[in-house]
Amino acid sequence: MKKSKAFQALFVSMDIARKPEFENWEDKVSLKQSVVYELLYLQGLKDGMQLANAFAPSVLSD
């Protein structure tokens, strides 16, 4: 909600002089979101490997 209001306020007062500031902010947000998605992916991969390892002995013994 706070981000949404800040984003709207930025567009209302947008002028050419402030465009580089907006682009800088947009790049930072995009980078932060990419890092979060990468960490979530790596955690999912790690969890999946642990799960596969936990079931591997029972699958092989059947």
C-alpha atoms as a PDB file:
ATOM      1  CA  MET A   1       0.000   0.000   0.000  1.00  0.00           C
ATOM      2  CA  LYS A   2       2.787   2.401   0.921  1.00  0.00           C
ATOM      3  CA  LYS A   3       4.653   1.586  -2.311  1.00  0.00           C
ATOM      4  CA  SER A   4       1.493   2.097  -4.336  1.00  0.00           C
ATOM      5  CA  LYS A   5       0.908   5.563  -2.882  1.00  0.00           C
ATOM      6  CA  ALA A   6       4.550   6.535  -3.429  1.00  0.00           C
ATOM      7  CA  PHE A   7       4.375   5.262  -7.000  1.00  0.00           C
ATOM      8  CA  GLN A   8       1.199   7.243  -7.721  1.00  0.00           C
ATOM      9  CA  ALA A   9       2.636  10.382  -6.137  1.00  0.00           C
ATOM     10  CA  LEU A  10       5.724  10.037  -8.281  1.00  0.00           C
ATOM     11  CA  PHE A  11       3.688   9.893 -11.489  1.00  0.00           C
ATOM     12  CA  VAL A  12       1.493  12.839 -10.508  1.00  0.00           C
ATOM     13  CA  SER A  13       4.533  15.035 -10.039  1.00  0.00           C
ATOM     14  CA  MET A  14       6.594  13.467 -12.841  1.00  0.00           C
ATOM     15  CA  ASP A  15       8.532  15.816 -15.019  1.00  0.00           C
ATOM     16  CA  ILE A  16      11.506  15.307 -17.295  1.00  0.00           C
ATOM     17  CA  ALA A  17      13.942  16.500 -14.635  1.00  0.00           C
ATOM     18  CA  ARG A  18      12.849  13.726 -12.231  1.00  0.00           C
ATOM     19  CA  LYS A  19      12.781  10.908 -14.768  1.00  0.00           C
ATOM     20  CA  PRO A  20      16.328   9.708 -13.952  1.00  0.00           C
ATOM     21  CA  GLU A  21      15.339   9.448 -10.265  1.00  0.00           C
ATOM     22  CA  PHE A  22      12.367   7.304 -11.207  1.00  0.00           C
ATOM     23  CA  GLU A  23      14.473   5.069 -13.442  1.00  0.00           C
ATOM     24  CA  ASN A  24      16.988   4.635 -10.623  1.00  0.00           C
ATOM     25  CA  TRP A  25      14.204   3.703  -8.194  1.00  0.00           C
ATOM     26  CA  GLU A  26      12.687   1.299 -10.719  1.00  0.00           C
ATOM     27  CA  ASP A  27      16.057  -0.412 -11.251  1.00  0.00           C
ATOM     28  CA  LYS A  28      16.542  -0.863  -7.502  1.00  0.00           C
ATOM     29  CA  VAL A  29      13.060  -2.344  -7.049  1.00  0.00           C
ATOM     30  CA  SER A  30      13.576  -4.700  -9.979  1.00  0.00           C
ATOM     31  CA  LEU A  31      16.954  -5.851  -8.659  1.00  0.00           C
ATOM     32  CA  LYS A  32      15.541  -6.416  -5.178  1.00  0.00           C
ATOM     33  CA  GLN A  33      12.661  -8.467  -6.592  1.00  0.00           C
ATOM     34  CA  SER A  34      15.065 -10.543  -8.703  1.00  0.00           C
ATOM     35  CA  VAL A  35      17.213 -11.321  -5.655  1.00  0.00           C
ATOM     36  CA  VAL A  36      14.150 -12.378  -3.665  1.00  0.00           C
ATOM     37  CA  TYR A  37      12.981 -14.696  -6.485  1.00  0.00           C
ATOM     38  CA  GLU A  38      16.452 -16.201  -6.809  1.00  0.00           C
ATOM     39  CA  LEU A  39      16.640 -16.887  -3.074  1.00  0.00           C
ATOM     40  CA  LEU A  40      13.186 -18.486  -3.149  1.00  0.00           C
ATOM     41  CA  TYR A  41      14.245 -20.664  -6.100  1.00  0.00           C
ATOM     42  CA  LEU A  42      17.426 -21.781  -4.359  1.00  0.00           C
ATOM     43  CA  GLN A  43      15.528 -22.577  -1.150  1.00  0.00           C
ATOM     44  CA  GLY A  44      13.002 -24.613  -3.136  1.00  0.00           C
ATOM     45  CA  LEU A  45      15.797 -26.501  -4.870  1.00  0.00           C
ATOM     46  CA  LYS A  46      17.448 -27.220  -1.532  1.00  0.00           C
ATOM     47  CA  ASP A  47      14.163 -28.383   0.020  1.00  0.00           C
ATOM     48  CA  GLY A  48      13.444 -30.587  -2.999  1.00  0.00           C
ATOM     49  CA  MET A  49      16.859 -32.221  -2.776  1.00  0.00           C
ATOM     50  CA  GLN A  50      16.369 -32.919   0.932  1.00  0.00           C
ATOM     51  CA  LEU A  51      12.949 -34.410   0.240  1.00  0.00           C
ATOM     52  CA  ALA A  52      14.278 -36.589  -2.575  1.00  0.00           C
ATOM     53  CA  ASN A  53      17.142 -37.712  -0.359  1.00  0.00           C
ATOM     54  CA  ALA A  54      14.722 -38.610   2.444  1.00  0.00           C
ATOM     55  CA  PHE A  55      12.626 -40.822   0.137  1.00  0.00           C
ATOM     56  CA  ALA A  56      15.476 -42.310  -1.924  1.00  0.00           C
ATOM     57  CA  PRO A  57      16.328 -45.167   0.498  1.00  0.00           C
ATOM     58  CA  SER A  58      12.684 -46.297   0.759  1.00  0.00           C
ATOM     59  CA  VAL A  59      12.213 -46.177  -3.030  1.00  0.00           C
ATOM     60  CA  LEU A  60      15.378 -48.204  -3.662  1.00  0.00           C
ATOM     61  CA  SER A  61      14.496 -50.872  -1.089  1.00  0.00           C
ATOM     62  CA  ASP A  62      11.014 -51.570  -2.557  1.00  0.00           C
END
